[in-house]
Amino acid sequence: MKIGSIEVGVPSLHEPGLAKEGASFADIFKKSLDQVNQNQIEANSAIRELVAGRNKNIHETMLTLEKADASLKLMMQVRNKVLDAYKEIIKMQV
């Protein structure tokens, strides 16, 4: 998914392998979490490279950090919506 010019780590349902039958919400959610985690790892690595002086491109480092930040914020919003939906389902009387 793109937010502005930043590609965030939440896969689209149009990606190969996700829209096929049998892809459950749990599979999609797990893949999204894995991508967010990968973005966080890349951001950590970019910071270490910059601080160590092996990478002098602060622009690229900042883009990596923003990508990780945006994907984490988006994943937190998805998590909050899932929890809200769960709470609503629990409140329903059958």
N, C-alpha and C. Protein backbone atom coordinates (compact mmCIF):
# COMPACT_ATOMS: atom_id res chain seq x y z
N MET A 1 0.84 -1.16 0.00
CA MET A 1 0.00 0.00 0.00
C MET A 1 0.89 1.23 0.00
N LYS A 2 0.49 2.26 -0.74
CA LYS A 2 1.26 3.49 -0.80
C LYS A 2 0.57 4.59 -0.02
N ILE A 3 1.32 5.30 0.78
CA ILE A 3 0.86 6.51 1.45
C ILE A 3 1.77 7.61 0.95
N GLY A 4 1.22 8.49 0.14
CA GLY A 4 2.05 9.50 -0.51
C GLY A 4 3.03 8.83 -1.43
N SER A 5 4.31 9.08 -1.23
CA SER A 5 5.33 8.44 -2.05
C SER A 5 6.00 7.28 -1.32
N ILE A 6 5.49 6.94 -0.13
CA ILE A 6 6.10 5.90 0.68
C ILE A 6 5.30 4.61 0.53
N GLU A 7 5.98 3.54 0.21
CA GLU A 7 5.36 2.22 0.13
C GLU A 7 5.36 1.62 1.52
N VAL A 8 4.18 1.35 2.07
CA VAL A 8 4.08 0.81 3.42
C VAL A 8 3.96 -0.70 3.39
N GLY A 9 4.27 -1.33 4.52
CA GLY A 9 4.38 -2.77 4.58
C GLY A 9 3.10 -3.55 4.78
N VAL A 10 1.99 -3.05 4.34
CA VAL A 10 0.76 -3.82 4.43
C VAL A 10 0.39 -4.26 3.03
N PRO A 11 0.33 -5.56 2.78
CA PRO A 11 0.08 -6.02 1.43
C PRO A 11 -1.33 -5.72 0.96
N SER A 12 -1.46 -5.51 -0.32
CA SER A 12 -2.76 -5.29 -0.94
C SER A 12 -3.39 -6.63 -1.24
N LEU A 13 -4.71 -6.67 -1.29
CA LEU A 13 -5.38 -7.92 -1.63
C LEU A 13 -5.16 -8.30 -3.09
N HIS A 14 -4.62 -7.37 -3.87
CA HIS A 14 -4.37 -7.63 -5.28
C HIS A 14 -3.00 -8.24 -5.52
N GLU A 15 -2.20 -8.38 -4.47
CA GLU A 15 -0.89 -9.01 -4.63
C GLU A 15 -1.07 -10.49 -4.92
N PRO A 16 -0.18 -11.05 -5.73
CA PRO A 16 -0.28 -12.48 -6.02
C PRO A 16 -0.22 -13.31 -4.74
N GLY A 17 -1.09 -14.28 -4.64
CA GLY A 17 -1.08 -15.16 -3.49
C GLY A 17 -2.02 -14.76 -2.37
N LEU A 18 -2.51 -13.52 -2.38
CA LEU A 18 -3.39 -13.11 -1.30
C LEU A 18 -4.86 -13.19 -1.68
N ALA A 19 -5.18 -12.90 -2.92
CA ALA A 19 -6.58 -12.88 -3.33
C ALA A 19 -7.10 -14.27 -3.69
N LYS A 20 -6.21 -15.24 -3.74
CA LYS A 20 -6.64 -16.59 -4.11
C LYS A 20 -7.51 -17.18 -3.00
N GLU A 21 -8.28 -18.16 -3.38
CA GLU A 21 -9.13 -18.81 -2.39
C GLU A 21 -8.26 -19.54 -1.38
N GLY A 22 -8.71 -19.53 -0.15
CA GLY A 22 -7.95 -20.19 0.91
C GLY A 22 -7.07 -19.23 1.69
N ALA A 23 -6.88 -18.02 1.18
CA ALA A 23 -6.10 -17.03 1.92
C ALA A 23 -7.01 -16.43 2.98
N SER A 24 -6.79 -16.79 4.21
CA SER A 24 -7.63 -16.32 5.30
C SER A 24 -7.15 -14.95 5.79
N PHE A 25 -7.99 -14.34 6.60
CA PHE A 25 -7.62 -13.07 7.21
C PHE A 25 -6.35 -13.24 8.03
N ALA A 26 -6.24 -14.37 8.72
CA ALA A 26 -5.06 -14.63 9.54
C ALA A 26 -3.79 -14.69 8.69
N ASP A 27 -3.89 -15.31 7.50
CA ASP A 27 -2.73 -15.38 6.61
C ASP A 27 -2.30 -13.98 6.16
N ILE A 28 -3.28 -13.20 5.77
CA ILE A 28 -3.00 -11.84 5.30
C ILE A 28 -2.43 -11.00 6.44
N PHE A 29 -3.01 -11.13 7.63
CA PHE A 29 -2.55 -10.37 8.79
C PHE A 29 -1.13 -10.76 9.16
N LYS A 30 -0.82 -12.06 9.13
CA LYS A 30 0.53 -12.54 9.46
C LYS A 30 1.54 -12.01 8.45
N LYS A 31 1.19 -12.06 7.17
CA LYS A 31 2.10 -11.54 6.15
C LYS A 31 2.34 -10.05 6.35
N SER A 32 1.30 -9.33 6.72
CA SER A 32 1.43 -7.90 6.99
C SER A 32 2.34 -7.65 8.19
N LEU A 33 2.16 -8.42 9.25
CA LEU A 33 3.02 -8.28 10.42
C LEU A 33 4.48 -8.57 10.09
N ASP A 34 4.69 -9.59 9.29
CA ASP A 34 6.06 -9.93 8.87
C ASP A 34 6.69 -8.78 8.09
N GLN A 35 5.90 -8.15 7.22
CA GLN A 35 6.42 -7.03 6.43
C GLN A 35 6.72 -5.82 7.31
N VAL A 36 5.86 -5.55 8.27
CA VAL A 36 6.11 -4.44 9.20
C VAL A 36 7.38 -4.71 10.00
N ASN A 37 7.54 -5.94 10.45
CA ASN A 37 8.75 -6.32 11.18
C ASN A 37 9.99 -6.13 10.31
N GLN A 38 9.90 -6.54 9.06
CA GLN A 38 11.03 -6.39 8.14
C GLN A 38 11.38 -4.91 7.95
N ASN A 39 10.36 -4.06 7.85
CA ASN A 39 10.59 -2.62 7.72
C ASN A 39 11.30 -2.07 8.95
N GLN A 40 10.93 -2.55 10.14
CA GLN A 40 11.57 -2.10 11.38
C GLN A 40 13.04 -2.55 11.43
N ILE A 41 13.30 -3.76 10.98
CA ILE A 41 14.67 -4.28 10.94
C ILE A 41 15.52 -3.46 9.97
N GLU A 42 14.96 -3.15 8.80
CA GLU A 42 15.68 -2.34 7.82
C GLU A 42 15.97 -0.94 8.37
N ALA A 43 15.01 -0.36 9.09
CA ALA A 43 15.22 0.97 9.67
C ALA A 43 16.34 0.93 10.71
N ASN A 44 16.34 -0.10 11.55
CA ASN A 44 17.41 -0.25 12.55
C ASN A 44 18.77 -0.35 11.87
N SER A 45 18.82 -1.15 10.82
CA SER A 45 20.07 -1.34 10.09
C SER A 45 20.53 -0.02 9.45
N ALA A 46 19.59 0.73 8.89
CA ALA A 46 19.93 2.00 8.25
C ALA A 46 20.50 2.99 9.27
N ILE A 47 19.92 3.01 10.46
CA ILE A 47 20.41 3.91 11.51
C ILE A 47 21.82 3.50 11.93
N ARG A 48 22.04 2.21 12.11
CA ARG A 48 23.38 1.73 12.51
C ARG A 48 24.42 2.08 11.45
N GLU A 49 24.07 1.90 10.18
CA GLU A 49 25.00 2.22 9.09
C GLU A 49 25.33 3.71 9.08
N LEU A 50 24.32 4.55 9.31
CA LEU A 50 24.55 6.00 9.31
C LEU A 50 25.43 6.42 10.48
N VAL A 51 25.13 5.89 11.66
CA VAL A 51 25.89 6.25 12.86
C VAL A 51 27.33 5.75 12.76
N ALA A 52 27.53 4.58 12.17
CA ALA A 52 28.87 4.02 12.04
C ALA A 52 29.68 4.72 10.95
N GLY A 53 29.01 5.52 10.13
CA GLY A 53 29.72 6.24 9.07
C GLY A 53 29.87 5.45 7.79
N ARG A 54 29.28 4.26 7.71
CA ARG A 54 29.38 3.45 6.50
C ARG A 54 28.42 3.94 5.41
N ASN A 55 27.41 4.70 5.82
CA ASN A 55 26.45 5.24 4.87
C ASN A 55 26.31 6.73 5.16
N LYS A 56 26.54 7.55 4.17
CA LYS A 56 26.46 8.99 4.37
C LYS A 56 25.21 9.58 3.75
N ASN A 57 24.32 8.73 3.27
CA ASN A 57 23.10 9.19 2.62
C ASN A 57 21.98 9.30 3.65
N ILE A 58 21.87 10.47 4.26
CA ILE A 58 20.86 10.68 5.30
C ILE A 58 19.46 10.68 4.71
N HIS A 59 19.33 11.09 3.45
CA HIS A 59 18.02 11.12 2.80
C HIS A 59 17.44 9.70 2.71
N GLU A 60 18.24 8.76 2.27
CA GLU A 60 17.78 7.38 2.15
C GLU A 60 17.46 6.79 3.53
N THR A 61 18.27 7.13 4.51
CA THR A 61 18.03 6.65 5.88
C THR A 61 16.70 7.18 6.40
N MET A 62 16.42 8.45 6.17
CA MET A 62 15.17 9.04 6.63
C MET A 62 13.97 8.41 5.91
N LEU A 63 14.11 8.12 4.63
CA LEU A 63 13.02 7.46 3.90
C LEU A 63 12.74 6.07 4.48
N THR A 64 13.80 5.36 4.82
CA THR A 64 13.64 4.03 5.42
C THR A 64 12.94 4.14 6.77
N LEU A 65 13.31 5.14 7.56
CA LEU A 65 12.68 5.34 8.86
C LEU A 65 11.20 5.71 8.71
N GLU A 66 10.90 6.58 7.76
CA GLU A 66 9.51 6.99 7.54
C GLU A 66 8.66 5.82 7.05
N LYS A 67 9.25 4.98 6.21
CA LYS A 67 8.53 3.80 5.72
C LYS A 67 8.19 2.88 6.89
N ALA A 68 9.15 2.65 7.77
CA ALA A 68 8.92 1.80 8.94
C ALA A 68 7.88 2.41 9.87
N ASP A 69 7.96 3.72 10.06
CA ASP A 69 7.03 4.41 10.94
C ASP A 69 5.61 4.36 10.37
N ALA A 70 5.46 4.63 9.09
CA ALA A 70 4.14 4.62 8.47
C ALA A 70 3.52 3.23 8.49
N SER A 71 4.32 2.21 8.22
CA SER A 71 3.77 0.84 8.22
C SER A 71 3.37 0.42 9.62
N LEU A 72 4.13 0.83 10.63
CA LEU A 72 3.78 0.49 12.01
C LEU A 72 2.50 1.20 12.44
N LYS A 73 2.38 2.48 12.09
CA LYS A 73 1.16 3.23 12.44
C LYS A 73 -0.06 2.63 11.75
N LEU A 74 0.08 2.25 10.49
CA LEU A 74 -1.03 1.65 9.77
C LEU A 74 -1.41 0.31 10.40
N MET A 75 -0.43 -0.49 10.75
CA MET A 75 -0.71 -1.78 11.37
C MET A 75 -1.39 -1.59 12.73
N MET A 76 -1.00 -0.58 13.48
CA MET A 76 -1.65 -0.32 14.76
C MET A 76 -3.11 0.08 14.56
N GLN A 77 -3.40 0.84 13.52
CA GLN A 77 -4.79 1.21 13.23
C GLN A 77 -5.62 -0.01 12.85
N VAL A 78 -5.03 -0.90 12.06
CA VAL A 78 -5.73 -2.14 11.69
C VAL A 78 -5.99 -2.97 12.94
N ARG A 79 -5.00 -3.07 13.80
CA ARG A 79 -5.16 -3.82 15.05
C ARG A 79 -6.28 -3.22 15.90
N ASN A 80 -6.31 -1.90 16.00
CA ASN A 80 -7.36 -1.24 16.79
C ASN A 80 -8.74 -1.51 16.22
N LYS A 81 -8.87 -1.49 14.90
CA LYS A 81 -10.15 -1.77 14.26
C LYS A 81 -10.58 -3.21 14.50
N VAL A 82 -9.64 -4.14 14.44
CA VAL A 82 -9.96 -5.55 14.69
C VAL A 82 -10.42 -5.72 16.14
N LEU A 83 -9.75 -5.07 17.08
CA LEU A 83 -10.15 -5.17 18.48
C LEU A 83 -11.53 -4.56 18.71
N ASP A 84 -11.80 -3.42 18.06
CA ASP A 84 -13.12 -2.80 18.18
C ASP A 84 -14.20 -3.72 17.64
N ALA A 85 -13.94 -4.35 16.50
CA ALA A 85 -14.91 -5.28 15.92
C ALA A 85 -15.13 -6.47 16.85
N TYR A 86 -14.07 -6.98 17.44
CA TYR A 86 -14.18 -8.10 18.38
C TYR A 86 -15.04 -7.71 19.58
N LYS A 87 -14.81 -6.51 20.12
CA LYS A 87 -15.59 -6.05 21.27
C LYS A 87 -17.07 -5.92 20.92
N GLU A 88 -17.36 -5.44 19.72
CA GLU A 88 -18.75 -5.33 19.27
C GLU A 88 -19.39 -6.71 19.13
N ILE A 89 -18.68 -7.66 18.62
CA ILE A 89 -19.21 -9.03 18.47
C ILE A 89 -19.49 -9.63 19.85
N ILE A 90 -18.60 -9.41 20.80
CA ILE A 90 -18.78 -9.92 22.16
C ILE A 90 -20.03 -9.33 22.81
N LYS A 91 -20.34 -8.08 22.52
CA LYS A 91 -21.51 -7.41 23.10
C LYS A 91 -22.84 -7.91 22.53
N MET A 92 -22.79 -8.53 21.37
CA MET A 92 -24.03 -8.98 20.72
C MET A 92 -24.70 -10.07 21.54
N GLN A 93 -26.02 -9.97 21.60
CA GLN A 93 -26.78 -11.01 22.26
C GLN A 93 -27.34 -11.95 21.22
N VAL A 94 -27.26 -13.23 21.51
CA VAL A 94 -27.73 -14.21 20.54
C VAL A 94 -29.05 -14.81 20.96
